[in-house]
Protein backbone atom coordinates (compact mmCIF):
# COMPACT_ATOMS: atom_id res chain seq x y z
CA MET A 1 79.64 87.54 91.27
CA TYR A 2 81.65 89.65 93.70
CA ALA A 3 81.84 92.52 95.68
CA ILE A 4 83.60 95.33 97.09
CA VAL A 5 82.42 95.62 100.94
CA LYS A 6 83.77 97.83 103.42
CA ALA A 7 85.18 95.87 106.62
CA GLY A 8 87.27 97.48 109.27
CA GLY A 9 88.31 100.74 107.64
CA ARG A 10 89.26 99.01 104.21
CA GLN A 11 87.77 97.61 101.06
CA GLU A 12 88.05 94.16 100.49
CA LYS A 13 87.03 92.17 97.51
CA VAL A 14 84.77 88.81 98.02
CA ALA A 15 82.80 86.43 96.85
CA VAL A 16 80.94 83.21 97.94
CA GLY A 17 83.54 80.73 99.30
CA ASP A 18 86.38 83.44 100.08
CA THR A 19 88.39 83.80 103.42
CA VAL A 20 89.22 87.59 103.98
CA VAL A 21 91.45 88.82 107.33
CA VAL A 22 89.80 91.87 108.62
CA ASP A 23 90.33 93.81 111.44
CA ARG A 24 88.64 92.66 114.80
CA ILE A 25 85.34 91.73 115.17
CA ASP A 26 83.97 91.85 118.55
CA ALA A 27 81.73 88.49 118.40
CA ALA A 28 82.01 84.92 119.06
CA ILE A 29 83.53 82.35 116.62
CA GLY A 30 80.67 80.51 114.56
CA ALA A 31 79.04 84.06 114.60
CA SER A 32 77.05 85.33 111.65
CA VAL A 33 78.40 89.02 110.50
CA SER A 34 76.99 91.33 107.49
CA PHE A 35 78.95 93.93 105.62
CA PRO A 36 77.70 96.92 103.82
CA ALA A 37 78.63 96.59 99.94
CA VAL A 38 80.07 99.42 97.96
CA LEU A 39 79.76 97.89 95.08
CA LEU A 40 78.56 94.63 93.40
CA VAL A 41 79.25 93.07 90.02
CA ASP A 42 77.28 90.20 88.55
CA GLY A 43 78.65 89.03 85.42
CA ALA A 44 78.23 92.48 82.97
CA ASP A 45 75.86 94.06 85.46
CA VAL A 46 77.53 96.24 87.57
CA THR A 47 75.68 98.15 90.68
CA SER A 48 77.21 101.24 92.27
CA ASP A 49 74.39 103.02 93.09
CA ALA A 50 74.01 103.47 97.03
CA LYS A 51 69.91 103.32 96.85
CA ALA A 52 70.44 99.85 95.25
CA LEU A 53 73.33 98.99 97.24
CA ALA A 54 71.22 99.36 100.46
CA GLY A 55 69.34 96.15 99.81
CA VAL A 56 72.44 94.34 99.02
CA LYS A 57 73.59 91.82 102.16
CA VAL A 58 77.07 90.31 102.36
CA THR A 59 76.99 88.01 105.53
CA GLY A 60 79.89 86.05 106.76
CA GLU A 61 80.78 83.64 109.65
CA ILE A 62 84.00 84.43 111.70
CA LEU A 63 86.25 81.12 111.38
CA ALA A 64 89.08 82.54 113.93
CA GLU A 65 90.96 85.19 115.62
CA GLN A 66 94.32 85.91 114.90
CA LYS A 67 97.61 88.12 115.15
CA GLY A 68 98.79 90.23 112.58
CA PRO A 69 102.58 90.44 112.11
CA LYS A 70 104.78 92.47 114.35
CA ILE A 71 105.87 95.98 113.70
CA ASP A 72 109.21 97.12 115.50
CA ILE A 73 109.23 100.51 116.46
CA LEU A 74 112.45 102.53 117.00
CA ARG A 75 112.45 106.00 118.31
CA TYR A 76 116.68 107.20 118.60
CA LYS A 77 117.92 110.50 118.93
CA ASN A 78 121.88 111.45 118.03
CA LYS A 79 124.14 112.25 120.64
CA THR A 80 121.67 112.20 123.40
CA GLY A 81 121.62 108.38 124.42
CA TYR A 82 117.59 108.62 123.65
CA ARG A 83 116.83 105.51 122.33
CA ARG A 84 113.31 103.49 122.81
CA ARG A 85 112.00 100.32 121.29
CA SER A 86 108.47 99.03 121.46
CA GLY A 87 106.50 96.49 118.84
CA PHE A 88 102.70 96.19 117.81
CA ARG A 89 100.46 93.45 116.80
CA SER A 90 97.23 94.32 115.26
CA GLN A 91 94.10 91.93 116.40
CA LEU A 92 92.83 90.22 112.99
CA THR A 93 89.38 87.80 112.69
CA ARG A 94 89.27 85.78 109.66
CA VAL A 95 85.86 85.33 107.94
CA LEU A 96 84.37 83.24 105.40
CA ILE A 97 81.92 85.00 103.13
CA THR A 98 78.99 82.80 103.01
CA ALA A 99 76.20 84.69 100.84
CA ILE A 100 75.67 87.61 98.76
CA ASN A 101 72.19 88.72 98.67
CA LYS A 102 70.93 90.90 95.97
């Protein structure tokens, strides 16, 4: 059985025991979090009805906080001497999926 859940502005395919990296969740390490399901697949049975999915609960446990890859940003304009260099690293959270309850 697996589910497609909405996590941090994206959709992730998860099953019990999977570890997923999502956008930062403001909770302590070891805390329990739940995600809303968008789709549920149990063998040949596929559930995508919103009313049926309202009762589906996908829970996980926060394992760690980490940083994403560095993105280099360089702004440059020709013939004017304008250069600006900056960077960005996104804050991420690693979550272990513990249960998918119908």
